């Protein structure tokens, strides 16, 4: 049975952009890598594919990257 990995990510502000998020969760080491990462990686936000660096993520949003599920809280 496949167990999903779920990680809760707390944010201080009202939202975080997808580009900032992938840096916060250590998927990239600098903001300059965001565009390339998002072009080459399948990212699902609330079940829909999205690759926009500026996409705003809010509390309650679900992000799935490389079989890891993140929840914004």
PDB file of N, CA and C in Angstrom:
ATOM      1  N   UNK A   1       0.839  -1.193   0.000  1.00  0.00           N
ATOM      2  CA  UNK A   1       0.000   0.000   0.000  1.00  0.00           C
ATOM      3  C   UNK A   1       0.875   1.244   0.000  1.00  0.00           C
ATOM      4  N   UNK A   2       0.563   2.178  -0.885  1.00  0.00           N
ATOM      5  CA  UNK A   2       1.352   3.394  -1.033  1.00  0.00           C
ATOM      6  C   UNK A   2       0.882   4.435  -0.020  1.00  0.00           C
ATOM      7  N   UNK A   3       1.773   4.854   0.844  1.00  0.00           N
ATOM      8  CA  UNK A   3       1.441   5.894   1.810  1.00  0.00           C
ATOM      9  C   UNK A   3       1.882   7.240   1.263  1.00  0.00           C
ATOM     10  N   UNK A   4       0.983   8.193   1.253  1.00  0.00           N
ATOM     11  CA  UNK A   4       1.327   9.535   0.800  1.00  0.00           C
ATOM     12  C   UNK A   4       2.094  10.254   1.900  1.00  0.00           C
ATOM     13  N   UNK A   5       3.086  10.998   1.482  1.00  0.00           N
ATOM     14  CA  UNK A   5       3.818  11.844   2.416  1.00  0.00           C
ATOM     15  C   UNK A   5       3.123  13.194   2.410  1.00  0.00           C
ATOM     16  N   UNK A   6       2.726  13.648   3.575  1.00  0.00           N
ATOM     17  CA  UNK A   6       2.043  14.937   3.674  1.00  0.00           C
ATOM     18  C   UNK A   6       2.848  15.834   4.610  1.00  0.00           C
ATOM     19  N   UNK A   7       3.160  17.022   4.118  1.00  0.00           N
ATOM     20  CA  UNK A   7       3.916  17.978   4.923  1.00  0.00           C
ATOM     21  C   UNK A   7       3.112  19.263   5.041  1.00  0.00           C
ATOM     22  N   UNK A   8       2.930  19.733   6.267  1.00  0.00           N
ATOM     23  CA  UNK A   8       2.260  21.005   6.498  1.00  0.00           C
ATOM     24  C   UNK A   8       3.299  22.118   6.468  1.00  0.00           C
ATOM     25  N   UNK A   9       3.029  23.157   5.696  1.00  0.00           N
ATOM     26  CA  UNK A   9       3.940  24.284   5.563  1.00  0.00           C
ATOM     27  C   UNK A   9       3.224  25.530   6.083  1.00  0.00           C
ATOM     28  N   UNK A  10       3.757  26.107   7.148  1.00  0.00           N
ATOM     29  CA  UNK A  10       3.144  27.298   7.729  1.00  0.00           C
ATOM     30  C   UNK A  10       3.674  28.544   7.039  1.00  0.00           C
ATOM     31  N   UNK A  11       2.763  29.481   6.777  1.00  0.00           N
ATOM     32  CA  UNK A  11       3.167  30.759   6.210  1.00  0.00           C
ATOM     33  C   UNK A  11       2.768  31.870   7.172  1.00  0.00           C
ATOM     34  N   UNK A  12       3.538  32.955   7.171  1.00  0.00           N
ATOM     35  CA  UNK A  12       3.264  34.085   8.063  1.00  0.00           C
ATOM     36  C   UNK A  12       2.348  35.104   7.403  1.00  0.00           C
ATOM     37  N   UNK A  13       2.489  35.266   6.087  1.00  0.00           N
ATOM     38  CA  UNK A  13       1.690  36.258   5.374  1.00  0.00           C
ATOM     39  C   UNK A  13       0.394  35.634   4.866  1.00  0.00           C
ATOM     40  N   UNK A  14      -0.411  36.428   4.158  1.00  0.00           N
ATOM     41  CA  UNK A  14      -1.684  35.940   3.635  1.00  0.00           C
ATOM     42  C   UNK A  14      -1.495  34.881   2.555  1.00  0.00           C
ATOM     43  N   UNK A  15      -0.379  34.970   1.814  1.00  0.00           N
ATOM     44  CA  UNK A  15      -0.106  34.013   0.744  1.00  0.00           C
ATOM     45  C   UNK A  15       1.390  33.893   0.527  1.00  0.00           C
ATOM     46  N   UNK A  16       1.778  32.894  -0.252  1.00  0.00           N
ATOM     47  CA  UNK A  16       3.157  32.716  -0.697  1.00  0.00           C
ATOM     48  C   UNK A  16       3.067  32.358  -2.181  1.00  0.00           C
ATOM     49  N   UNK A  17       4.023  32.852  -2.978  1.00  0.00           N
ATOM     50  CA  UNK A  17       3.974  32.498  -4.398  1.00  0.00           C
ATOM     51  C   UNK A  17       4.565  31.102  -4.587  1.00  0.00           C
ATOM     52  N   UNK A  18       4.198  30.477  -5.687  1.00  0.00           N
ATOM     53  CA  UNK A  18       4.717  29.140  -5.979  1.00  0.00           C
ATOM     54  C   UNK A  18       6.241  29.165  -6.065  1.00  0.00           C
ATOM     55  N   UNK A  19       6.803  30.198  -6.659  1.00  0.00           N
ATOM     56  CA  UNK A  19       8.261  30.325  -6.742  1.00  0.00           C
ATOM     57  C   UNK A  19       8.908  30.382  -5.369  1.00  0.00           C
ATOM     58  N   UNK A  20       8.316  31.142  -4.452  1.00  0.00           N
ATOM     59  CA  UNK A  20       8.830  31.211  -3.082  1.00  0.00           C
ATOM     60  C   UNK A  20       8.648  29.877  -2.374  1.00  0.00           C
ATOM     61  N   UNK A  21       7.509  29.255  -2.596  1.00  0.00           N
ATOM     62  CA  UNK A  21       7.186  27.989  -1.937  1.00  0.00           C
ATOM     63  C   UNK A  21       8.213  26.905  -2.250  1.00  0.00           C
ATOM     64  N   UNK A  22       8.554  26.736  -3.538  1.00  0.00           N
ATOM     65  CA  UNK A  22       9.483  25.653  -3.877  1.00  0.00           C
ATOM     66  C   UNK A  22      10.873  25.908  -3.306  1.00  0.00           C
ATOM     67  N   UNK A  23      11.198  27.169  -3.031  1.00  0.00           N
ATOM     68  CA  UNK A  23      12.463  27.474  -2.360  1.00  0.00           C
ATOM     69  C   UNK A  23      12.349  27.147  -0.860  1.00  0.00           C
ATOM     70  N   UNK A  24      11.229  27.511  -0.248  1.00  0.00           N
ATOM     71  CA  UNK A  24      11.011  27.268   1.184  1.00  0.00           C
ATOM     72  C   UNK A  24      11.085  25.777   1.508  1.00  0.00           C
ATOM     73  N   UNK A  25      10.553  24.934   0.624  1.00  0.00           N
ATOM     74  CA  UNK A  25      10.547  23.491   0.892  1.00  0.00           C
ATOM     75  C   UNK A  25      11.805  22.805   0.343  1.00  0.00           C
ATOM     76  N   UNK A  26      12.818  23.608   0.005  1.00  0.00           N
ATOM     77  CA  UNK A  26      14.146  23.113  -0.406  1.00  0.00           C
ATOM     78  C   UNK A  26      14.153  22.276  -1.677  1.00  0.00           C
ATOM     79  N   UNK A  27      13.253  22.592  -2.610  1.00  0.00           N
ATOM     80  CA  UNK A  27      13.293  21.905  -3.901  1.00  0.00           C
ATOM     81  C   UNK A  27      14.253  22.612  -4.859  1.00  0.00           C
ATOM     82  N   UNK A  28      14.510  23.889  -4.601  1.00  0.00           N
ATOM     83  CA  UNK A  28      15.520  24.647  -5.346  1.00  0.00           C
ATOM     84  C   UNK A  28      16.335  25.428  -4.328  1.00  0.00           C
ATOM     85  N   UNK A  29      17.539  25.849  -4.721  1.00  0.00           N
ATOM     86  CA  UNK A  29      18.385  26.581  -3.778  1.00  0.00           C
ATOM     87  C   UNK A  29      18.332  28.091  -3.984  1.00  0.00           C
ATOM     88  N   UNK A  30      17.870  28.533  -5.164  1.00  0.00           N
ATOM     89  CA  UNK A  30      17.753  29.976  -5.391  1.00  0.00           C
ATOM     90  C   UNK A  30      16.539  30.260  -6.254  1.00  0.00           C
ATOM     91  N   UNK A  31      16.035  31.481  -6.138  1.00  0.00           N
ATOM     92  CA  UNK A  31      14.863  31.870  -6.905  1.00  0.00           C
ATOM     93  C   UNK A  31      15.077  31.769  -8.409  1.00  0.00           C
ATOM     94  N   UNK A  32      16.318  31.924  -8.850  1.00  0.00           N
ATOM     95  CA  UNK A  32      16.623  31.846 -10.269  1.00  0.00           C
ATOM     96  C   UNK A  32      16.365  30.470 -10.872  1.00  0.00           C
ATOM     97  N   UNK A  33      16.311  29.449 -10.039  1.00  0.00           N
ATOM     98  CA  UNK A  33      16.070  28.085 -10.512  1.00  0.00           C
ATOM     99  C   UNK A  33      14.581  27.779 -10.679  1.00  0.00           C
ATOM    100  N   UNK A  34      13.721  28.659 -10.198  1.00  0.00           N
ATOM    101  CA  UNK A  34      12.276  28.382 -10.158  1.00  0.00           C
ATOM    102  C   UNK A  34      11.693  28.134 -11.544  1.00  0.00           C
ATOM    103  N   UNK A  35      12.012  28.983 -12.505  1.00  0.00           N
ATOM    104  CA  UNK A  35      11.417  28.851 -13.838  1.00  0.00           C
ATOM    105  C   UNK A  35      11.744  27.491 -14.455  1.00  0.00           C
ATOM    106  N   UNK A  36      13.010  27.110 -14.419  1.00  0.00           N
ATOM    107  CA  UNK A  36      13.440  25.831 -14.978  1.00  0.00           C
ATOM    108  C   UNK A  36      12.799  24.662 -14.231  1.00  0.00           C
ATOM    109  N   UNK A  37      12.791  24.729 -12.904  1.00  0.00           N
ATOM    110  CA  UNK A  37      12.192  23.675 -12.095  1.00  0.00           C
ATOM    111  C   UNK A  37      10.725  23.475 -12.473  1.00  0.00           C
ATOM    112  N   UNK A  38       9.987  24.584 -12.579  1.00  0.00           N
ATOM    113  CA  UNK A  38       8.556  24.497 -12.853  1.00  0.00           C
ATOM    114  C   UNK A  38       8.263  24.036 -14.276  1.00  0.00           C
ATOM    115  N   UNK A  39       9.168  24.322 -15.207  1.00  0.00           N
ATOM    116  CA  UNK A  39       8.991  23.842 -16.579  1.00  0.00           C
ATOM    117  C   UNK A  39       9.195  22.337 -16.681  1.00  0.00           C
ATOM    118  N   UNK A  40      10.050  21.794 -15.817  1.00  0.00           N
ATOM    119  CA  UNK A  40      10.446  20.394 -15.909  1.00  0.00           C
ATOM    120  C   UNK A  40       9.838  19.482 -14.850  1.00  0.00           C
ATOM    121  N   UNK A  41       8.979  20.020 -14.007  1.00  0.00           N
ATOM    122  CA  UNK A  41       8.420  19.246 -12.902  1.00  0.00           C
ATOM    123  C   UNK A  41       6.902  19.371 -12.901  1.00  0.00           C
ATOM    124  N   UNK A  42       6.220  18.260 -12.714  1.00  0.00           N
ATOM    125  CA  UNK A  42       4.766  18.266 -12.639  1.00  0.00           C
ATOM    126  C   UNK A  42       4.338  18.761 -11.260  1.00  0.00           C
ATOM    127  N   UNK A  43       3.628  19.892 -11.237  1.00  0.00           N
ATOM    128  CA  UNK A  43       3.149  20.484  -9.989  1.00  0.00           C
ATOM    129  C   UNK A  43       1.631  20.552 -10.040  1.00  0.00           C
ATOM    130  N   UNK A  44       0.984  19.966  -9.041  1.00  0.00           N
ATOM    131  CA  UNK A  44      -0.476  20.040  -8.938  1.00  0.00           C
ATOM    132  C   UNK A  44      -0.848  20.921  -7.759  1.00  0.00           C
ATOM    133  N   UNK A  45      -1.704  21.895  -8.024  1.00  0.00           N
ATOM    134  CA  UNK A  45      -2.203  22.767  -6.964  1.00  0.00           C
ATOM    135  C   UNK A  45      -3.710  22.559  -6.899  1.00  0.00           C
ATOM    136  N   UNK A  46      -4.170  22.041  -5.777  1.00  0.00           N
ATOM    137  CA  UNK A  46      -5.587  21.712  -5.603  1.00  0.00           C
ATOM    138  C   UNK A  46      -6.094  20.849  -6.753  1.00  0.00           C
ATOM    139  N   UNK A  47      -5.245  19.908  -7.197  1.00  0.00           N
ATOM    140  CA  UNK A  47      -5.626  18.952  -8.227  1.00  0.00           C
ATOM    141  C   UNK A  47      -5.437  19.411  -9.657  1.00  0.00           C
ATOM    142  N   UNK A  48      -4.992  20.662  -9.861  1.00  0.00           N
ATOM    143  CA  UNK A  48      -4.811  21.187 -11.208  1.00  0.00           C
ATOM    144  C   UNK A  48      -3.344  21.502 -11.464  1.00  0.00           C
ATOM    145  N   UNK A  49      -2.879  21.162 -12.664  1.00  0.00           N
ATOM    146  CA  UNK A  49      -1.487  21.412 -13.021  1.00  0.00           C
ATOM    147  C   UNK A  49      -1.252  22.923 -13.148  1.00  0.00           C
ATOM    148  N   UNK A  50      -0.160  23.384 -12.582  1.00  0.00           N
ATOM    149  CA  UNK A  50       0.176  24.803 -12.669  1.00  0.00           C
ATOM    150  C   UNK A  50       1.689  24.954 -12.605  1.00  0.00           C
ATOM    151  N   UNK A  51       2.224  25.872 -13.399  1.00  0.00           N
ATOM    152  CA  UNK A  51       3.681  26.079 -13.391  1.00  0.00           C
ATOM    153  C   UNK A  51       4.030  27.562 -13.337  1.00  0.00           C
ATOM    154  N   UNK A  52       3.101  28.383 -12.876  1.00  0.00           N
ATOM    155  CA  UNK A  52       3.346  29.831 -12.804  1.00  0.00           C
ATOM    156  C   UNK A  52       4.059  30.183 -11.499  1.00  0.00           C
ATOM    157  N   UNK A  53       5.257  30.748 -11.626  1.00  0.00           N
ATOM    158  CA  UNK A  53       6.031  31.139 -10.441  1.00  0.00           C
ATOM    159  C   UNK A  53       5.258  32.071  -9.535  1.00  0.00           C
ATOM    160  N   UNK A  54       4.465  32.949 -10.128  1.00  0.00           N
ATOM    161  CA  UNK A  54       3.739  33.953  -9.359  1.00  0.00           C
ATOM    162  C   UNK A  54       2.397  33.494  -8.815  1.00  0.00           C
ATOM    163  N   UNK A  55       2.036  32.240  -9.070  1.00  0.00           N
ATOM    164  CA  UNK A  55       0.763  31.703  -8.558  1.00  0.00           C
ATOM    165  C   UNK A  55       0.731  31.856  -7.044  1.00  0.00           C
ATOM    166  N   UNK A  56      -0.321  32.485  -6.541  1.00  0.00           N
ATOM    167  CA  UNK A  56      -0.441  32.708  -5.098  1.00  0.00           C
ATOM    168  C   UNK A  56      -1.030  31.465  -4.430  1.00  0.00           C
ATOM    169  N   UNK A  57      -0.384  31.039  -3.367  1.00  0.00           N
ATOM    170  CA  UNK A  57      -0.842  29.897  -2.579  1.00  0.00           C
ATOM    171  C   UNK A  57      -1.334  30.421  -1.238  1.00  0.00           C
ATOM    172  N   UNK A  58      -2.511  29.961  -0.846  1.00  0.00           N
ATOM    173  CA  UNK A  58      -3.142  30.421   0.391  1.00  0.00           C
ATOM    174  C   UNK A  58      -3.315  29.263   1.371  1.00  0.00           C
ATOM    175  N   UNK A  59      -3.572  29.604   2.622  1.00  0.00           N
ATOM    176  CA  UNK A  59      -3.838  28.567   3.626  1.00  0.00           C
ATOM    177  C   UNK A  59      -4.953  27.653   3.127  1.00  0.00           C
ATOM    178  N   UNK A  60      -4.753  26.358   3.279  1.00  0.00           N
ATOM    179  CA  UNK A  60      -5.728  25.380   2.832  1.00  0.00           C
ATOM    180  C   UNK A  60      -5.413  24.800   1.462  1.00  0.00           C
ATOM    181  N   UNK A  61      -4.521  25.456   0.704  1.00  0.00           N
ATOM    182  CA  UNK A  61      -4.158  24.930  -0.614  1.00  0.00           C
ATOM    183  C   UNK A  61      -3.329  23.655  -0.462  1.00  0.00           C
ATOM    184  N   UNK A  62      -3.509  22.755  -1.432  1.00  0.00           N
ATOM    185  CA  UNK A  62      -2.785  21.481  -1.479  1.00  0.00           C
ATOM    186  C   UNK A  62      -1.870  21.507  -2.693  1.00  0.00           C
ATOM    187  N   UNK A  63      -0.605  21.212  -2.489  1.00  0.00           N
ATOM    188  CA  UNK A  63       0.364  21.186  -3.575  1.00  0.00           C
ATOM    189  C   UNK A  63       1.001  19.809  -3.595  1.00  0.00           C
ATOM    190  N   UNK A  64       1.048  19.173  -4.770  1.00  0.00           N
ATOM    191  CA  UNK A  64       1.690  17.869  -4.904  1.00  0.00           C
ATOM    192  C   UNK A  64       2.858  18.012  -5.888  1.00  0.00           C
ATOM    193  N   UNK A  65       4.050  17.672  -5.408  1.00  0.00           N
ATOM    194  CA  UNK A  65       5.267  17.718  -6.219  1.00  0.00           C
ATOM    195  C   UNK A  65       6.061  16.449  -5.925  1.00  0.00           C
ATOM    196  N   UNK A  66       6.412  15.708  -6.964  1.00  0.00           N
ATOM    197  CA  UNK A  66       7.211  14.476  -6.811  1.00  0.00           C
ATOM    198  C   UNK A  66       6.614  13.526  -5.765  1.00  0.00           C
ATOM    199  N   UNK A  67       5.300  13.300  -5.841  1.00  0.00           N
ATOM    200  CA  UNK A  67       4.584  12.383  -4.940  1.00  0.00           C
ATOM    201  C   UNK A  67       4.577  12.826  -3.481  1.00  0.00           C
ATOM    202  N   UNK A  68       4.950  14.052  -3.212  1.00  0.00           N
ATOM    203  CA  UNK A  68       4.856  14.577  -1.851  1.00  0.00           C
ATOM    204  C   UNK A  68       3.752  15.636  -1.839  1.00  0.00           C
ATOM    205  N   UNK A  69       2.853  15.503  -0.881  1.00  0.00           N
ATOM    206  CA  UNK A  69       1.761  16.455  -0.754  1.00  0.00           C
ATOM    207  C   UNK A  69       2.087  17.462   0.327  1.00  0.00           C
ATOM    208  N   UNK A  70       1.951  18.727  -0.010  1.00  0.00           N
ATOM    209  CA  UNK A  70       2.175  19.821   0.933  1.00  0.00           C
ATOM    210  C   UNK A  70       0.845  20.516   1.163  1.00  0.00           C
ATOM    211  N   UNK A  71       0.618  20.948   2.404  1.00  0.00           N
ATOM    212  CA  UNK A  71      -0.570  21.727   2.721  1.00  0.00           C
ATOM    213  C   UNK A  71      -0.128  23.056   3.327  1.00  0.00           C
ATOM    214  N   UNK A  72      -0.682  24.126   2.808  1.00  0.00           N
ATOM    215  CA  UNK A  72      -0.374  25.445   3.333  1.00  0.00           C
ATOM    216  C   UNK A  72      -1.251  25.693   4.553  1.00  0.00           C
ATOM    217  N   UNK A  73      -0.633  26.101   5.642  1.00  0.00           N
ATOM    218  CA  UNK A  73      -1.408  26.395   6.854  1.00  0.00           C
ATOM    219  C   UNK A  73      -0.846  27.614   7.559  1.00  0.00           C
TER     220      UNK A  73
END
